[in-house]
Amino acid sequence: MKNKSNEQAPAGAITRAPDDCPSPQRRKTFKLMACAALAATAGIRPSFADGDGPQVGDLLVRDGDESKTPLTSADVKLEKKQLIVYPLDPKSMTVRDGSRLNRIIVIKLDPTQMDDKTAPLAADGIIAFSAVCVHQNCDVNGWLPKEKEFLCVCHFSKYSPLRHGEVTGGPAPRPLPMIPVKLDGDKLVIAGEFNAAPGGAPQA
């Protein structure tokens, strides 16, 4: 009987060296992606690594703003295209940009046009949603001013911010998650958790 431990791999076979094994950081990333997918399927709140998701009391800062200037109500213009922002820890002034699931979009609309699920989560007409499409994780960065709807330009899912992120078109399987905001003076502040897990199925 041959000793299998001494057998050589067939010529041309693909082997994997120990150095190619996933690093602890990669394993952690894979684990987080799996958890996010499970959370979306189960319809529960997301779990972020080391508590580094949006926290109650966090300020908001525009994506790419190296000056870390907190977003104010005056920065969000009525019915203008949504802004993409990240949570900002007000104590350490650390931007919580370690995960795309932390990306948030904010927009200002007429509160009298909001439904009963949307209005309580708004601050002076400003409402906030996950910036990550629940279809295949693209950015929700399109805006249809006539319809007053968000558009994901990857696969054309559409969401109504006036109706708590309700899907109005395209392949998205569920509403865009909302996160409540409030005003602290003129600064926008996170006031609670996402009402559903952000993100969707990984792109093929």
C-alpha atoms as a PDB file:
ATOM      1  CA  MET A   1       0.000   0.000   0.000  1.00  0.00           C
ATOM      2  CA  LYS A   2       1.329   3.413  -0.912  1.00  0.00           C
ATOM      3  CA  ASN A   3       2.014   5.956   1.789  1.00  0.00           C
ATOM      4  CA  LYS A   4      -0.255   8.826   0.717  1.00  0.00           C
ATOM      5  CA  SER A   5       1.690  11.308   2.779  1.00  0.00           C
ATOM      6  CA  ASN A   6       4.716  10.705   0.538  1.00  0.00           C
ATOM      7  CA  GLU A   7       2.856  10.918  -2.770  1.00  0.00           C
ATOM      8  CA  GLN A   8       3.777  13.769  -5.095  1.00  0.00           C
ATOM      9  CA  ALA A   9       1.143  15.973  -6.682  1.00  0.00           C
ATOM     10  CA  PRO A  10       0.479  15.112 -10.347  1.00  0.00           C
ATOM     11  CA  ALA A  11       2.305  17.202 -12.890  1.00  0.00           C
ATOM     12  CA  GLY A  12       0.432  20.409 -13.623  1.00  0.00           C
ATOM     13  CA  ALA A  13      -1.677  20.158 -10.478  1.00  0.00           C
ATOM     14  CA  ILE A  14      -2.423  23.402  -8.661  1.00  0.00           C
ATOM     15  CA  THR A  15      -1.142  23.346  -5.111  1.00  0.00           C
ATOM     16  CA  ARG A  16      -1.552  25.884  -2.343  1.00  0.00           C
ATOM     17  CA  ALA A  17       1.370  27.003  -0.253  1.00  0.00           C
ATOM     18  CA  PRO A  18       0.862  27.762   3.426  1.00  0.00           C
ATOM     19  CA  ASP A  19       1.578  31.432   2.711  1.00  0.00           C
ATOM     20  CA  ASP A  20      -1.481  31.523   0.449  1.00  0.00           C
ATOM     21  CA  CYS A  21      -3.843  30.595   3.250  1.00  0.00           C
ATOM     22  CA  PRO A  22      -6.222  33.363   4.314  1.00  0.00           C
ATOM     23  CA  SER A  23      -4.685  35.744   6.819  1.00  0.00           C
ATOM     24  CA  PRO A  24      -6.505  36.407  10.100  1.00  0.00           C
ATOM     25  CA  GLN A  25      -7.649  39.733   8.668  1.00  0.00           C
ATOM     26  CA  ARG A  26      -9.028  38.071   5.519  1.00  0.00           C
ATOM     27  CA  ARG A  27     -10.758  35.403   7.575  1.00  0.00           C
ATOM     28  CA  LYS A  28     -12.298  38.164   9.668  1.00  0.00           C
ATOM     29  CA  THR A  29     -13.475  39.934   6.505  1.00  0.00           C
ATOM     30  CA  PHE A  30     -15.007  36.746   5.112  1.00  0.00           C
ATOM     31  CA  LYS A  31     -16.736  36.122   8.438  1.00  0.00           C
ATOM     32  CA  LEU A  32     -18.209  39.632   8.469  1.00  0.00           C
ATOM     33  CA  MET A  33     -19.466  39.255   4.896  1.00  0.00           C
ATOM     34  CA  ALA A  34     -21.130  35.979   5.803  1.00  0.00           C
ATOM     35  CA  CYS A  35     -22.716  37.494   8.914  1.00  0.00           C
ATOM     36  CA  ALA A  36     -24.065  40.436   6.940  1.00  0.00           C
ATOM     37  CA  ALA A  37     -25.607  38.083   4.383  1.00  0.00           C
ATOM     38  CA  LEU A  38     -27.198  35.982   7.104  1.00  0.00           C
ATOM     39  CA  ALA A  39     -28.524  39.075   8.850  1.00  0.00           C
ATOM     40  CA  ALA A  40     -30.109  40.296   5.629  1.00  0.00           C
ATOM     41  CA  THR A  41     -31.751  36.924   5.087  1.00  0.00           C
ATOM     42  CA  ALA A  42     -33.048  36.748   8.635  1.00  0.00           C
ATOM     43  CA  GLY A  43     -34.228  40.363   8.641  1.00  0.00           C
ATOM     44  CA  ILE A  44     -32.307  41.262  11.804  1.00  0.00           C
ATOM     45  CA  ARG A  45     -30.085  44.196  12.645  1.00  0.00           C
ATOM     46  CA  PRO A  46     -26.542  44.005  11.274  1.00  0.00           C
ATOM     47  CA  SER A  47     -23.542  43.124  13.425  1.00  0.00           C
ATOM     48  CA  PHE A  48     -20.468  45.277  12.856  1.00  0.00           C
ATOM     49  CA  ALA A  49     -16.933  44.352  13.826  1.00  0.00           C
ATOM     50  CA  ASP A  50     -15.731  45.671  17.158  1.00  0.00           C
ATOM     51  CA  GLY A  51     -18.803  47.897  17.448  1.00  0.00           C
ATOM     52  CA  ASP A  52     -17.497  49.987  14.566  1.00  0.00           C
ATOM     53  CA  GLY A  53     -20.840  50.481  12.848  1.00  0.00           C
ATOM     54  CA  PRO A  54     -22.798  53.745  13.170  1.00  0.00           C
ATOM     55  CA  GLN A  55     -23.304  54.610  16.833  1.00  0.00           C
ATOM     56  CA  VAL A  56     -25.969  56.730  18.508  1.00  0.00           C
ATOM     57  CA  GLY A  57     -24.488  60.203  18.894  1.00  0.00           C
ATOM     58  CA  ASP A  58     -22.181  59.939  15.880  1.00  0.00           C
ATOM     59  CA  LEU A  59     -21.872  62.980  13.665  1.00  0.00           C
ATOM     60  CA  LEU A  60     -21.853  62.686   9.879  1.00  0.00           C
ATOM     61  CA  VAL A  61     -19.088  63.671   7.483  1.00  0.00           C
ATOM     62  CA  ARG A  62     -19.075  63.671   3.685  1.00  0.00           C
ATOM     63  CA  ASP A  63     -17.314  60.815   1.960  1.00  0.00           C
ATOM     64  CA  GLY A  64     -13.792  61.962   1.097  1.00  0.00           C
ATOM     65  CA  ASP A  65     -13.820  65.040   3.365  1.00  0.00           C
ATOM     66  CA  GLU A  66     -10.337  64.910   4.889  1.00  0.00           C
ATOM     67  CA  SER A  67     -11.125  67.936   7.055  1.00  0.00           C
ATOM     68  CA  LYS A  68     -13.782  65.845   8.860  1.00  0.00           C
ATOM     69  CA  THR A  69     -16.208  68.765   8.947  1.00  0.00           C
ATOM     70  CA  PRO A  70     -19.480  67.629  10.585  1.00  0.00           C
ATOM     71  CA  LEU A  71     -22.500  67.834   8.323  1.00  0.00           C
ATOM     72  CA  THR A  72     -25.077  70.481   9.241  1.00  0.00           C
ATOM     73  CA  SER A  73     -28.716  70.869   8.307  1.00  0.00           C
ATOM     74  CA  ALA A  74     -27.761  73.762   6.009  1.00  0.00           C
ATOM     75  CA  ASP A  75     -25.529  71.422   3.983  1.00  0.00           C
ATOM     76  CA  VAL A  76     -28.519  69.321   2.913  1.00  0.00           C
ATOM     77  CA  LYS A  77     -30.608  71.257   0.399  1.00  0.00           C
ATOM     78  CA  LEU A  78     -34.316  70.609  -0.123  1.00  0.00           C
ATOM     79  CA  GLU A  79     -34.993  68.005  -2.844  1.00  0.00           C
ATOM     80  CA  LYS A  80     -31.400  68.074  -4.086  1.00  0.00           C
ATOM     81  CA  LYS A  81     -29.439  64.907  -4.839  1.00  0.00           C
ATOM     82  CA  GLN A  82     -28.544  62.815  -1.808  1.00  0.00           C
ATOM     83  CA  LEU A  83     -25.166  63.211  -0.104  1.00  0.00           C
ATOM     84  CA  ILE A  84     -23.012  60.177   0.694  1.00  0.00           C
ATOM     85  CA  VAL A  85     -21.631  60.362   4.226  1.00  0.00           C
ATOM     86  CA  TYR A  86     -19.926  58.291   6.907  1.00  0.00           C
ATOM     87  CA  PRO A  87     -20.464  58.284  10.686  1.00  0.00           C
ATOM     88  CA  LEU A  88     -17.910  60.282  12.683  1.00  0.00           C
ATOM     89  CA  ASP A  89     -17.046  59.467  16.298  1.00  0.00           C
ATOM     90  CA  PRO A  90     -17.409  62.873  18.009  1.00  0.00           C
ATOM     91  CA  LYS A  91     -14.918  61.996  20.768  1.00  0.00           C
ATOM     92  CA  SER A  92     -12.000  60.652  18.763  1.00  0.00           C
ATOM     93  CA  MET A  93     -12.973  62.370  15.480  1.00  0.00           C
ATOM     94  CA  THR A  94     -12.471  59.013  13.796  1.00  0.00           C
ATOM     95  CA  VAL A  95     -14.435  58.415  10.609  1.00  0.00           C
ATOM     96  CA  ARG A  96     -16.075  54.989  10.747  1.00  0.00           C
ATOM     97  CA  ASP A  97     -15.162  54.120   7.175  1.00  0.00           C
ATOM     98  CA  GLY A  98     -13.815  50.624   7.761  1.00  0.00           C
ATOM     99  CA  SER A  99     -16.823  49.043   6.075  1.00  0.00           C
ATOM    100  CA  ARG A 100     -18.908  49.999   3.046  1.00  0.00           C
ATOM    101  CA  LEU A 101     -21.942  49.002   5.109  1.00  0.00           C
ATOM    102  CA  ASN A 102     -21.339  52.193   7.109  1.00  0.00           C
ATOM    103  CA  ARG A 103     -22.002  54.383   4.079  1.00  0.00           C
ATOM    104  CA  ILE A 104     -25.130  56.496   4.492  1.00  0.00           C
ATOM    105  CA  ILE A 105     -27.099  58.753   2.164  1.00  0.00           C
ATOM    106  CA  VAL A 106     -28.946  61.806   3.446  1.00  0.00           C
ATOM    107  CA  ILE A 107     -31.557  63.903   1.677  1.00  0.00           C
ATOM    108  CA  LYS A 108     -33.988  66.665   2.622  1.00  0.00           C
ATOM    109  CA  LEU A 109     -37.624  66.405   1.558  1.00  0.00           C
ATOM    110  CA  ASP A 110     -40.962  67.916   2.535  1.00  0.00           C
ATOM    111  CA  PRO A 111     -41.963  66.248   5.841  1.00  0.00           C
ATOM    112  CA  THR A 112     -45.658  66.599   4.973  1.00  0.00           C
ATOM    113  CA  GLN A 113     -45.115  64.184   2.069  1.00  0.00           C
ATOM    114  CA  MET A 114     -43.499  61.487   4.224  1.00  0.00           C
ATOM    115  CA  ASP A 115     -45.452  58.426   5.308  1.00  0.00           C
ATOM    116  CA  ASP A 116     -45.977  57.434   8.938  1.00  0.00           C
ATOM    117  CA  LYS A 117     -42.911  55.175   8.993  1.00  0.00           C
ATOM    118  CA  THR A 118     -40.572  57.801   7.582  1.00  0.00           C
ATOM    119  CA  ALA A 119     -41.477  61.057   9.329  1.00  0.00           C
ATOM    120  CA  PRO A 120     -40.532  59.910  12.880  1.00  0.00           C
ATOM    121  CA  LEU A 121     -36.985  59.113  11.714  1.00  0.00           C
ATOM    122  CA  ALA A 122     -36.425  62.529  10.103  1.00  0.00           C
ATOM    123  CA  ALA A 123     -34.890  65.737  11.446  1.00  0.00           C
ATOM    124  CA  ASP A 124     -36.125  68.986   9.915  1.00  0.00           C
ATOM    125  CA  GLY A 125     -37.056  67.064   6.766  1.00  0.00           C
ATOM    126  CA  ILE A 126     -33.682  65.305   6.568  1.00  0.00           C
ATOM    127  CA  ILE A 127     -33.783  61.519   6.322  1.00  0.00           C
ATOM    128  CA  ALA A 128     -30.970  58.973   6.154  1.00  0.00           C
ATOM    129  CA  PHE A 129     -30.654  55.556   4.521  1.00  0.00           C
ATOM    130  CA  SER A 130     -28.004  52.965   3.836  1.00  0.00           C
ATOM    131  CA  ALA A 131     -26.038  53.958   0.744  1.00  0.00           C
ATOM    132  CA  VAL A 132     -25.594  50.293  -0.215  1.00  0.00           C
ATOM    133  CA  CYS A 133     -28.160  48.742  -2.552  1.00  0.00           C
ATOM    134  CA  VAL A 134     -29.791  45.635  -1.080  1.00  0.00           C
ATOM    135  CA  HIS A 135     -29.623  43.904  -4.465  1.00  0.00           C
ATOM    136  CA  GLN A 136     -25.876  43.500  -5.077  1.00  0.00           C
ATOM    137  CA  ASN A 137     -24.158  46.094  -2.870  1.00  0.00           C
ATOM    138  CA  CYS A 138     -23.703  48.886  -5.426  1.00  0.00           C
ATOM    139  CA  ASP A 139     -23.853  52.510  -4.276  1.00  0.00           C
ATOM    140  CA  VAL A 140     -27.294  54.095  -4.372  1.00  0.00           C
ATOM    141  CA  ASN A 141     -25.992  57.319  -5.898  1.00  0.00           C
ATOM    142  CA  GLY A 142     -28.620  58.202  -8.489  1.00  0.00           C
ATOM    143  CA  TRP A 143     -31.505  60.626  -7.917  1.00  0.00           C
ATOM    144  CA  LEU A 144     -34.693  61.008  -9.947  1.00  0.00           C
ATOM    145  CA  PRO A 145     -35.948  64.510  -9.049  1.00  0.00           C
ATOM    146  CA  LYS A 146     -39.296  64.247 -10.812  1.00  0.00           C
ATOM    147  CA  GLU A 147     -40.219  60.974  -9.105  1.00  0.00           C
ATOM    148  CA  LYS A 148     -38.323  61.882  -5.898  1.00  0.00           C
ATOM    149  CA  GLU A 149     -36.729  58.465  -5.870  1.00  0.00           C
ATOM    150  CA  PHE A 150     -33.256  57.042  -5.318  1.00  0.00           C
ATOM    151  CA  LEU A 151     -31.739  55.065  -8.194  1.00  0.00           C
ATOM    152  CA  CYS A 152     -29.053  52.389  -8.148  1.00  0.00           C
ATOM    153  CA  VAL A 153     -27.441  52.751 -11.560  1.00  0.00           C
ATOM    154  CA  CYS A 154     -25.933  49.233 -11.528  1.00  0.00           C
ATOM    155  CA  HIS A 155     -29.175  47.315 -12.042  1.00  0.00           C
ATOM    156  CA  PHE A 156     -31.741  50.133 -11.852  1.00  0.00           C
ATOM    157  CA  SER A 157     -33.380  49.406  -8.523  1.00  0.00           C
ATOM    158  CA  LYS A 158     -35.442  52.381  -7.380  1.00  0.00           C
ATOM    159  CA  TYR A 159     -36.425  53.341  -3.839  1.00  0.00           C
ATOM    160  CA  SER A 160     -38.845  55.912  -2.435  1.00  0.00           C
ATOM    161  CA  PRO A 161     -37.324  57.888   0.457  1.00  0.00           C
ATOM    162  CA  LEU A 162     -40.753  59.342   1.216  1.00  0.00           C
ATOM    163  CA  ARG A 163     -42.080  55.816   1.832  1.00  0.00           C
ATOM    164  CA  HIS A 164     -39.353  54.445   4.140  1.00  0.00           C
ATOM    165  CA  GLY A 165     -37.145  53.264   1.274  1.00  0.00           C
ATOM    166  CA  GLU A 166     -39.871  51.221  -0.408  1.00  0.00           C
ATOM    167  CA  VAL A 167     -38.802  49.505  -3.638  1.00  0.00           C
ATOM    168  CA  THR A 168     -40.552  51.101  -6.629  1.00  0.00           C
ATOM    169  CA  GLY A 169     -38.690  49.359  -9.438  1.00  0.00           C
ATOM    170  CA  GLY A 170     -35.863  47.011 -10.346  1.00  0.00           C
ATOM    171  CA  PRO A 171     -34.587  43.811  -8.736  1.00  0.00           C
ATOM    172  CA  ALA A 172     -34.062  44.986  -5.139  1.00  0.00           C
ATOM    173  CA  PRO A 173     -35.784  42.425  -2.874  1.00  0.00           C
ATOM    174  CA  ARG A 174     -36.631  44.702   0.058  1.00  0.00           C
ATOM    175  CA  PRO A 175     -36.710  48.362   1.180  1.00  0.00           C
ATOM    176  CA  LEU A 176     -33.533  50.364   1.593  1.00  0.00           C
ATOM    177  CA  PRO A 177     -32.657  50.363   5.317  1.00  0.00           C
ATOM    178  CA  MET A 178     -33.225  53.626   7.190  1.00  0.00           C
ATOM    179  CA  ILE A 179     -31.270  55.026  10.108  1.00  0.00           C
ATOM    180  CA  PRO A 180     -32.815  57.744  12.332  1.00  0.00           C
ATOM    181  CA  VAL A 181     -31.179  61.150  12.663  1.00  0.00           C
ATOM    182  CA  LYS A 182     -31.693  64.187  14.864  1.00  0.00           C
ATOM    183  CA  LEU A 183     -30.243  67.675  15.203  1.00  0.00           C
ATOM    184  CA  ASP A 184     -27.773  68.717  17.885  1.00  0.00           C
ATOM    185  CA  GLY A 185     -27.775  72.449  17.324  1.00  0.00           C
ATOM    186  CA  ASP A 186     -27.324  72.575  13.562  1.00  0.00           C
ATOM    187  CA  LYS A 187     -25.322  69.338  13.327  1.00  0.00           C
ATOM    188  CA  LEU A 188     -26.841  66.075  12.118  1.00  0.00           C
ATOM    189  CA  VAL A 189     -26.469  63.221  14.594  1.00  0.00           C
ATOM    190  CA  ILE A 190     -27.221  59.493  14.429  1.00  0.00           C
ATOM    191  CA  ALA A 191     -30.221  58.819  16.682  1.00  0.00           C
ATOM    192  CA  GLY A 192     -30.554  55.026  16.461  1.00  0.00           C
ATOM    193  CA  GLU A 193     -29.701  51.853  14.568  1.00  0.00           C
ATOM    194  CA  PHE A 194     -30.493  50.821  11.014  1.00  0.00           C
ATOM    195  CA  ASN A 195     -34.028  49.423  10.942  1.00  0.00           C
ATOM    196  CA  ALA A 196     -32.783  46.467   8.857  1.00  0.00           C
ATOM    197  CA  ALA A 197     -29.462  44.962   7.853  1.00  0.00           C
ATOM    198  CA  PRO A 198     -27.701  47.052   5.173  1.00  0.00           C
ATOM    199  CA  GLY A 199     -26.313  45.455   2.033  1.00  0.00           C
ATOM    200  CA  GLY A 200     -27.375  42.630  -0.195  1.00  0.00           C
ATOM    201  CA  ALA A 201     -26.044  39.620  -2.067  1.00  0.00           C
ATOM    202  CA  PRO A 202     -22.387  39.832  -3.199  1.00  0.00           C
ATOM    203  CA  GLN A 203     -21.859  40.549  -6.876  1.00  0.00           C
ATOM    204  CA  ALA A 204     -21.033  37.496  -8.974  1.00  0.00           C
END
